N, C-alpha and C. Protein backbone atom coordinates (compact mmCIF):
# COMPACT_ATOMS: atom_id res chain seq x y z
N MET A 1 378.35 -27.71 148.00
CA MET A 1 377.74 -29.02 147.92
C MET A 1 378.68 -30.07 148.49
N LYS A 2 380.00 -29.93 148.23
CA LYS A 2 380.96 -30.90 148.73
C LYS A 2 380.90 -30.98 150.26
N ILE A 3 380.89 -29.84 150.91
CA ILE A 3 380.86 -29.81 152.37
C ILE A 3 379.58 -30.46 152.88
N PHE A 4 378.47 -30.16 152.21
CA PHE A 4 377.18 -30.72 152.61
C PHE A 4 377.20 -32.24 152.52
N VAL A 5 377.67 -32.78 151.40
CA VAL A 5 377.68 -34.23 151.20
C VAL A 5 378.68 -34.89 152.15
N GLU A 6 379.86 -34.29 152.30
CA GLU A 6 380.86 -34.86 153.20
C GLU A 6 380.39 -34.84 154.66
N SER A 7 379.58 -33.85 155.02
CA SER A 7 379.10 -33.79 156.40
C SER A 7 378.16 -34.97 156.70
N ILE A 8 377.51 -35.47 155.69
CA ILE A 8 376.64 -36.64 155.87
C ILE A 8 377.48 -37.92 155.94
N ASP A 9 378.41 -38.05 154.98
CA ASP A 9 379.29 -39.23 154.96
C ASP A 9 380.40 -38.99 153.94
N GLN A 10 381.64 -39.14 154.37
CA GLN A 10 382.80 -38.94 153.50
C GLN A 10 382.75 -39.88 152.29
N GLY A 11 382.28 -41.09 152.49
CA GLY A 11 382.22 -42.06 151.40
C GLY A 11 381.29 -41.64 150.28
N LYS A 12 380.29 -40.85 150.62
CA LYS A 12 379.36 -40.39 149.59
C LYS A 12 380.04 -39.42 148.63
N TRP A 13 380.92 -38.57 149.15
CA TRP A 13 381.65 -37.66 148.26
C TRP A 13 382.61 -38.44 147.37
N VAL A 14 383.21 -39.49 147.90
CA VAL A 14 384.08 -40.35 147.10
C VAL A 14 383.28 -40.98 145.97
N SER A 15 382.04 -41.32 146.24
CA SER A 15 381.15 -41.87 145.22
C SER A 15 380.92 -40.86 144.10
N ILE A 16 380.81 -39.58 144.47
CA ILE A 16 380.63 -38.54 143.45
C ILE A 16 381.89 -38.39 142.61
N GLU A 17 383.04 -38.39 143.26
CA GLU A 17 384.31 -38.19 142.54
C GLU A 17 384.67 -39.38 141.65
N ASN A 18 384.44 -40.58 142.13
CA ASN A 18 384.88 -41.78 141.41
C ASN A 18 383.81 -42.42 140.54
N GLY A 19 382.59 -42.05 140.75
CA GLY A 19 381.51 -42.68 140.00
C GLY A 19 380.97 -43.90 140.74
N PRO A 20 379.94 -44.51 140.20
CA PRO A 20 379.31 -45.64 140.88
C PRO A 20 380.23 -46.86 140.88
N SER A 21 380.06 -47.67 141.90
CA SER A 21 380.81 -48.93 142.00
C SER A 21 380.01 -50.02 141.32
N ILE A 22 380.48 -50.45 140.17
CA ILE A 22 379.80 -51.50 139.41
C ILE A 22 380.64 -52.77 139.51
N PRO A 23 380.12 -53.77 140.19
CA PRO A 23 380.89 -55.01 140.36
C PRO A 23 381.20 -55.67 139.02
N LYS A 24 382.45 -56.11 138.89
CA LYS A 24 382.91 -56.73 137.64
C LYS A 24 383.36 -58.17 137.91
N LEU A 25 383.28 -58.95 136.88
CA LEU A 25 383.70 -60.35 136.93
C LEU A 25 384.73 -60.54 135.83
N LYS A 26 385.85 -61.18 136.16
CA LYS A 26 386.91 -61.39 135.18
C LYS A 26 386.78 -62.76 134.55
N LYS A 27 386.64 -62.75 133.23
CA LYS A 27 386.57 -64.02 132.47
C LYS A 27 387.50 -63.92 131.28
N ASN A 28 388.37 -64.87 131.18
CA ASN A 28 389.31 -64.94 130.03
C ASN A 28 390.05 -63.63 129.81
N GLY A 29 390.48 -62.98 130.88
CA GLY A 29 391.25 -61.74 130.76
C GLY A 29 390.41 -60.50 130.51
N SER A 30 389.10 -60.65 130.37
CA SER A 30 388.21 -59.50 130.14
C SER A 30 387.30 -59.33 131.35
N PHE A 31 386.86 -58.10 131.57
CA PHE A 31 385.96 -57.81 132.68
C PHE A 31 384.54 -57.64 132.17
N PHE A 32 383.60 -58.24 132.89
CA PHE A 32 382.18 -58.15 132.57
C PHE A 32 381.43 -57.73 133.83
N SER A 33 380.33 -57.03 133.67
CA SER A 33 379.50 -56.64 134.81
C SER A 33 378.81 -57.87 135.37
N LYS A 34 378.81 -57.95 136.70
CA LYS A 34 378.12 -59.07 137.36
C LYS A 34 376.62 -58.85 137.31
N THR A 35 375.88 -59.93 137.31
CA THR A 35 374.43 -59.81 137.43
C THR A 35 374.10 -59.51 138.89
N TRP A 36 372.92 -59.01 139.13
CA TRP A 36 372.50 -58.63 140.47
C TRP A 36 372.63 -59.80 141.46
N SER A 37 372.30 -60.97 141.04
CA SER A 37 372.33 -62.14 141.92
C SER A 37 373.76 -62.54 142.31
N GLN A 38 374.77 -62.12 141.55
CA GLN A 38 376.16 -62.46 141.83
C GLN A 38 376.84 -61.47 142.78
N TRP A 39 376.18 -60.36 143.08
CA TRP A 39 376.79 -59.32 143.92
C TRP A 39 376.94 -59.82 145.36
N THR A 40 378.05 -59.44 145.98
CA THR A 40 378.25 -59.73 147.40
C THR A 40 377.57 -58.63 148.23
N ASN A 41 377.49 -58.84 149.55
CA ASN A 41 376.89 -57.83 150.42
C ASN A 41 377.67 -56.50 150.35
N GLU A 42 378.99 -56.59 150.28
CA GLU A 42 379.81 -55.38 150.20
C GLU A 42 379.56 -54.64 148.88
N GLU A 43 379.42 -55.36 147.80
CA GLU A 43 379.14 -54.74 146.50
C GLU A 43 377.76 -54.08 146.49
N CYS A 44 376.80 -54.69 147.18
CA CYS A 44 375.46 -54.10 147.30
C CYS A 44 375.51 -52.79 148.08
N LYS A 45 376.31 -52.76 149.15
CA LYS A 45 376.46 -51.54 149.96
C LYS A 45 377.07 -50.42 149.12
N MET A 46 378.08 -50.76 148.32
CA MET A 46 378.73 -49.75 147.48
C MET A 46 377.77 -49.21 146.42
N ALA A 47 376.96 -50.06 145.84
CA ALA A 47 375.97 -49.62 144.84
C ALA A 47 374.90 -48.74 145.50
N LYS A 48 374.52 -49.12 146.72
CA LYS A 48 373.52 -48.34 147.45
C LYS A 48 374.06 -46.95 147.79
N LEU A 49 375.35 -46.85 148.03
CA LEU A 49 376.00 -45.58 148.34
C LEU A 49 375.75 -44.55 147.23
N ASP A 50 375.88 -44.98 145.98
CA ASP A 50 375.65 -44.08 144.85
C ASP A 50 374.17 -43.65 144.79
N CYS A 51 373.27 -44.57 145.06
CA CYS A 51 371.83 -44.24 145.05
C CYS A 51 371.50 -43.21 146.13
N ILE A 52 372.07 -43.40 147.31
CA ILE A 52 371.83 -42.45 148.41
C ILE A 52 372.41 -41.08 148.05
N THR A 53 373.59 -41.07 147.45
CA THR A 53 374.22 -39.81 147.05
C THR A 53 373.40 -39.09 145.98
N GLN A 54 372.85 -39.83 145.04
CA GLN A 54 371.96 -39.23 144.04
C GLN A 54 370.77 -38.56 144.73
N ASN A 55 370.21 -39.24 145.72
CA ASN A 55 369.07 -38.72 146.45
C ASN A 55 369.44 -37.42 147.19
N ILE A 56 370.62 -37.39 147.82
CA ILE A 56 371.08 -36.19 148.53
C ILE A 56 371.19 -35.02 147.56
N ILE A 57 371.81 -35.25 146.42
CA ILE A 57 371.97 -34.18 145.43
C ILE A 57 370.61 -33.70 144.94
N ALA A 58 369.72 -34.62 144.62
CA ALA A 58 368.40 -34.24 144.11
C ALA A 58 367.62 -33.41 145.13
N TYR A 59 367.67 -33.78 146.39
CA TYR A 59 366.94 -33.04 147.43
C TYR A 59 367.56 -31.67 147.71
N ALA A 60 368.84 -31.51 147.42
CA ALA A 60 369.51 -30.24 147.69
C ALA A 60 369.22 -29.18 146.63
N LEU A 61 368.60 -29.57 145.53
CA LEU A 61 368.39 -28.65 144.40
C LEU A 61 366.95 -28.16 144.33
N ASP A 62 366.79 -26.99 143.71
CA ASP A 62 365.42 -26.52 143.45
C ASP A 62 364.88 -27.22 142.20
N THR A 63 363.65 -26.95 141.86
CA THR A 63 362.98 -27.66 140.77
C THR A 63 363.69 -27.49 139.43
N ASN A 64 364.11 -26.27 139.11
CA ASN A 64 364.78 -26.03 137.83
C ASN A 64 366.09 -26.81 137.73
N GLU A 65 366.86 -26.79 138.80
CA GLU A 65 368.13 -27.53 138.81
C GLU A 65 367.88 -29.03 138.76
N PHE A 66 366.84 -29.48 139.45
CA PHE A 66 366.53 -30.91 139.48
C PHE A 66 366.27 -31.44 138.08
N PHE A 67 365.54 -30.68 137.27
CA PHE A 67 365.23 -31.15 135.92
C PHE A 67 366.48 -31.26 135.05
N LYS A 68 367.52 -30.50 135.37
CA LYS A 68 368.77 -30.60 134.61
C LYS A 68 369.48 -31.92 134.87
N ILE A 69 369.30 -32.48 136.06
CA ILE A 69 370.04 -33.69 136.43
C ILE A 69 369.14 -34.93 136.54
N SER A 70 367.85 -34.77 136.29
CA SER A 70 366.92 -35.88 136.52
C SER A 70 367.17 -37.10 135.63
N LYS A 71 367.78 -36.94 134.49
CA LYS A 71 368.04 -38.06 133.58
C LYS A 71 369.39 -38.75 133.85
N CYS A 72 370.17 -38.19 134.77
CA CYS A 72 371.50 -38.75 135.05
C CYS A 72 371.39 -40.10 135.74
N LYS A 73 372.33 -40.99 135.44
CA LYS A 73 372.29 -42.35 135.95
C LYS A 73 373.18 -42.57 137.18
N SER A 74 374.03 -41.60 137.51
CA SER A 74 374.89 -41.75 138.69
C SER A 74 375.10 -40.39 139.35
N ALA A 75 375.57 -40.43 140.59
CA ALA A 75 375.85 -39.19 141.32
C ALA A 75 376.97 -38.41 140.64
N LYS A 76 377.96 -39.12 140.11
CA LYS A 76 379.06 -38.46 139.39
C LYS A 76 378.53 -37.73 138.16
N GLU A 77 377.65 -38.36 137.43
CA GLU A 77 377.07 -37.73 136.24
C GLU A 77 376.26 -36.49 136.63
N MET A 78 375.53 -36.59 137.75
CA MET A 78 374.78 -35.43 138.24
C MET A 78 375.73 -34.28 138.57
N TRP A 79 376.80 -34.60 139.29
CA TRP A 79 377.76 -33.58 139.70
C TRP A 79 378.44 -32.96 138.47
N ASP A 80 378.83 -33.77 137.51
CA ASP A 80 379.46 -33.26 136.29
C ASP A 80 378.51 -32.34 135.53
N THR A 81 377.22 -32.69 135.50
CA THR A 81 376.22 -31.86 134.83
C THR A 81 376.09 -30.51 135.54
N LEU A 82 376.05 -30.54 136.86
CA LEU A 82 375.95 -29.29 137.63
C LEU A 82 377.19 -28.42 137.43
N LYS A 83 378.38 -29.06 137.41
CA LYS A 83 379.61 -28.29 137.18
C LYS A 83 379.61 -27.67 135.79
N ALA A 84 379.14 -28.42 134.80
CA ALA A 84 379.09 -27.88 133.44
C ALA A 84 378.10 -26.72 133.34
N THR A 85 376.99 -26.82 134.08
CA THR A 85 375.97 -25.77 134.06
C THR A 85 376.45 -24.51 134.75
N HIS A 86 377.09 -24.66 135.89
CA HIS A 86 377.44 -23.50 136.70
C HIS A 86 378.91 -23.13 136.64
N GLY A 87 379.72 -23.92 136.01
CA GLY A 87 381.13 -23.59 135.88
C GLY A 87 381.89 -23.84 137.17
N ASN A 88 383.16 -23.50 137.12
CA ASN A 88 384.03 -23.69 138.27
C ASN A 88 383.76 -22.61 139.31
N ILE A 89 383.59 -22.98 140.55
CA ILE A 89 383.26 -22.03 141.61
C ILE A 89 384.41 -21.05 141.82
N ASN A 90 385.64 -21.50 141.77
CA ASN A 90 386.78 -20.60 141.96
C ASN A 90 386.84 -19.56 140.87
N GLU A 91 386.54 -19.96 139.62
CA GLU A 91 386.50 -18.99 138.53
C GLU A 91 385.40 -17.98 138.77
N SER A 92 384.25 -18.43 139.26
CA SER A 92 383.14 -17.52 139.54
C SER A 92 383.53 -16.50 140.59
N LYS A 93 384.22 -16.93 141.64
CA LYS A 93 384.66 -16.00 142.69
C LYS A 93 385.64 -14.99 142.11
N GLU A 94 386.55 -15.46 141.25
CA GLU A 94 387.53 -14.56 140.66
C GLU A 94 386.85 -13.53 139.76
N VAL A 95 385.90 -13.97 138.95
CA VAL A 95 385.17 -13.05 138.08
C VAL A 95 384.39 -12.04 138.92
N ARG A 96 383.76 -12.53 139.99
CA ARG A 96 383.00 -11.65 140.87
C ARG A 96 383.90 -10.59 141.50
N SER A 97 385.08 -10.98 141.96
CA SER A 97 385.98 -10.02 142.60
C SER A 97 386.51 -9.01 141.59
N ARG A 98 386.75 -9.46 140.35
CA ARG A 98 387.19 -8.51 139.31
C ARG A 98 386.09 -7.52 138.98
N SER A 99 384.85 -7.97 138.91
CA SER A 99 383.75 -7.05 138.60
C SER A 99 383.52 -6.09 139.75
N GLN A 100 383.70 -6.53 140.99
CA GLN A 100 383.58 -5.62 142.13
C GLN A 100 384.67 -4.56 142.09
N ALA A 101 385.88 -4.96 141.72
CA ALA A 101 386.99 -4.00 141.61
C ALA A 101 386.70 -2.98 140.50
N ARG A 102 386.17 -3.45 139.37
CA ARG A 102 385.81 -2.52 138.28
C ARG A 102 384.74 -1.54 138.73
N ARG A 103 383.73 -2.06 139.44
CA ARG A 103 382.65 -1.21 139.94
C ARG A 103 383.20 -0.15 140.89
N LYS A 104 384.13 -0.53 141.75
CA LYS A 104 384.71 0.42 142.70
C LYS A 104 385.52 1.48 141.96
N ARG A 105 386.29 1.06 140.94
CA ARG A 105 387.05 2.05 140.16
C ARG A 105 386.12 3.04 139.47
N ARG A 106 384.99 2.52 138.92
CA ARG A 106 384.01 3.41 138.28
C ARG A 106 383.45 4.42 139.27
N GLN A 107 383.11 3.95 140.47
CA GLN A 107 382.57 4.85 141.49
C GLN A 107 383.61 5.91 141.88
N ASN A 108 384.88 5.49 141.99
CA ASN A 108 385.93 6.45 142.31
C ASN A 108 386.09 7.50 141.21
N ARG A 109 386.01 7.06 139.95
CA ARG A 109 386.10 8.02 138.83
C ARG A 109 384.95 9.00 138.85
N LYS A 110 383.73 8.50 139.13
CA LYS A 110 382.56 9.38 139.20
C LYS A 110 382.74 10.41 140.31
N SER A 111 383.23 9.97 141.46
CA SER A 111 383.45 10.89 142.57
C SER A 111 384.49 11.93 142.20
N LEU A 112 385.55 11.48 141.54
CA LEU A 112 386.60 12.40 141.13
C LEU A 112 386.07 13.40 140.10
N ASN A 113 385.26 12.91 139.15
CA ASN A 113 384.67 13.81 138.16
C ASN A 113 383.79 14.86 138.83
N LEU A 114 382.97 14.43 139.80
CA LEU A 114 382.13 15.38 140.51
C LEU A 114 382.97 16.40 141.27
N CYS A 115 384.10 15.95 141.80
CA CYS A 115 384.99 16.85 142.52
C CYS A 115 385.55 17.90 141.58
N PHE A 116 385.98 17.46 140.39
CA PHE A 116 386.51 18.42 139.42
C PHE A 116 385.43 19.38 138.93
N MET A 117 384.20 18.85 138.77
CA MET A 117 383.10 19.73 138.37
C MET A 117 382.87 20.78 139.45
N ALA A 118 382.91 20.37 140.69
CA ALA A 118 382.70 21.30 141.79
C ALA A 118 383.82 22.33 141.83
N LYS A 119 385.05 21.89 141.56
CA LYS A 119 386.19 22.80 141.58
C LYS A 119 386.06 23.84 140.48
N LYS A 120 385.59 23.43 139.28
CA LYS A 120 385.41 24.36 138.18
C LYS A 120 384.36 25.40 138.52
N GLU A 121 383.28 24.96 139.16
CA GLU A 121 382.21 25.88 139.53
C GLU A 121 382.66 26.87 140.59
N ASP A 122 383.57 26.42 141.44
CA ASP A 122 383.98 27.26 142.55
C ASP A 122 385.45 27.64 142.39
N ASP A 123 385.77 28.34 141.30
CA ASP A 123 387.15 28.73 141.02
C ASP A 123 387.69 29.70 142.05
N SER A 124 386.79 30.38 142.73
CA SER A 124 387.25 31.32 143.74
C SER A 124 387.91 30.58 144.91
N SER A 125 387.62 29.29 145.03
CA SER A 125 388.20 28.44 146.07
C SER A 125 388.07 29.02 147.46
N SER A 126 386.88 29.43 147.78
CA SER A 126 386.65 29.96 149.11
C SER A 126 386.77 28.88 150.17
N VAL A 127 386.67 27.64 149.73
CA VAL A 127 386.75 26.53 150.67
C VAL A 127 388.20 26.20 151.02
N SER A 128 389.12 26.40 150.07
CA SER A 128 390.49 25.95 150.27
C SER A 128 391.24 26.86 151.25
N SER A 129 392.17 26.23 151.92
CA SER A 129 393.04 26.98 152.82
C SER A 129 394.47 26.56 152.54
N SER A 130 395.40 27.34 152.94
CA SER A 130 396.79 27.06 152.61
C SER A 130 397.32 25.82 153.33
N ASN A 131 396.75 25.45 154.46
CA ASN A 131 397.25 24.31 155.24
C ASN A 131 396.62 22.98 154.83
N SER A 132 395.46 22.96 154.16
CA SER A 132 394.78 21.70 153.85
C SER A 132 395.32 21.08 152.58
N SER A 133 395.23 19.77 152.50
CA SER A 133 395.74 19.05 151.33
C SER A 133 394.74 19.14 150.18
N ASN A 134 395.17 18.74 149.00
CA ASN A 134 394.30 18.76 147.83
C ASN A 134 393.09 17.84 148.02
N SER A 135 393.30 16.68 148.65
CA SER A 135 392.19 15.75 148.84
C SER A 135 391.15 16.33 149.78
N GLU A 136 391.60 17.05 150.82
CA GLU A 136 390.64 17.69 151.72
C GLU A 136 389.85 18.75 150.98
N ASN A 137 390.54 19.55 150.16
CA ASN A 137 389.86 20.57 149.35
C ASN A 137 388.86 19.92 148.41
N CYS A 138 389.29 18.87 147.79
CA CYS A 138 388.41 18.17 146.86
C CYS A 138 387.17 17.65 147.58
N PHE A 139 387.38 17.08 148.77
CA PHE A 139 386.26 16.55 149.53
C PHE A 139 385.30 17.68 149.93
N LYS A 140 385.85 18.79 150.39
CA LYS A 140 385.00 19.93 150.79
C LYS A 140 384.22 20.45 149.59
N LEU A 141 384.89 20.55 148.44
CA LEU A 141 384.21 21.01 147.22
C LEU A 141 383.14 20.01 146.80
N PHE A 142 383.47 18.76 146.92
CA PHE A 142 382.50 17.71 146.58
C PHE A 142 381.26 17.82 147.45
N LYS A 143 381.45 17.96 148.76
CA LYS A 143 380.32 18.10 149.68
C LYS A 143 379.50 19.35 149.35
N LYS A 144 380.18 20.44 149.03
CA LYS A 144 379.50 21.69 148.70
C LYS A 144 378.67 21.51 147.42
N HIS A 145 379.26 20.83 146.44
CA HIS A 145 378.57 20.60 145.18
C HIS A 145 377.37 19.69 145.38
N MET A 146 377.53 18.64 146.18
CA MET A 146 376.42 17.71 146.44
C MET A 146 375.28 18.43 147.17
N LYS A 147 375.64 19.34 148.05
CA LYS A 147 374.61 20.10 148.77
C LYS A 147 373.81 20.97 147.78
N LYS A 148 374.52 21.56 146.79
CA LYS A 148 373.84 22.37 145.78
C LYS A 148 372.88 21.50 144.96
N LEU A 149 373.31 20.26 144.66
CA LEU A 149 372.47 19.38 143.85
C LEU A 149 371.21 18.95 144.62
N THR A 150 371.32 18.77 145.91
CA THR A 150 370.17 18.32 146.69
C THR A 150 369.22 19.45 147.07
N ASP A 151 369.68 20.70 147.02
CA ASP A 151 368.79 21.84 147.36
C ASP A 151 367.82 22.16 146.26
């Protein structure tokens, strides 16, 4: 989403990170929000930036995702809601890579188990030769066993 929004305008992503620009007026050492009529042209542009960014985010989502963010009042709030819903992308990638590694280890164990099963069935070791390595023997036995299963 960041790349998509930045490709349209870098300032729009800044609007997401920093939140909406709400013009303030300083009175007696305290800050108050300006009324709409007191806003300068530059302040109007900054406020419009957040509205445009909200529109970009809303159009980029499907209906289910849109309803999660439809009550949000700013682009930053929308983005924070989406992050809370979907979590950190880097964490997701890390979890995905760990689960792929686990899946691969499981597949390797299954292959190894099938190889040992084939070796037990073929104790005569007619496939093995004195020059071939254990892995080659295992592979040949595995292929032989798989052929028996498919016949």
